[in-house]
């Protein structure tokens, strides 16, 4: 039995069920004690995040997928890899259509890549779901930019 564990700032796995071993797949499969896990969280949060035993609970498949995609998106942003960022956010936004910030970012990326018809469709979908608020205002502004660019 292998489970993903989404500690803040670092993904690990637990092998052998709830009483099993913690393993760091990003550091050559190093076995981790609970103290090691606490130290990782302490170091990554620069001591700002107090330890919580819940950090060692397994995460769902959907949470795992979201975490991997968000990590990829952050990596692509750091490397200014717009195309791969776009692919990752498009995939994530298709699994989380009710997350307005994701949808808006997708529209912005489509617009920046020059895919104005797709961006227009994304902005319209945002407005159909979220009629008011800052997200709706930004989607409206995106549609206005596209109208000006097309005409």
Foldseek 3Di string as FASTA:
>chain_A
DKFWQQAVPAIWIFPDPPPGWIFRPVPVGDTDDVVRSQVVNCVVVVNPDHDDPSSGDGDDPLVVLVVVLVVQLVVCVVVVVLVVNLVSLVVVCVVVVVPLVSLLVNLVSCVVVVVLVVSLVSLVSSCVNPVDDPSVVSSVVSNVVSVVVVD
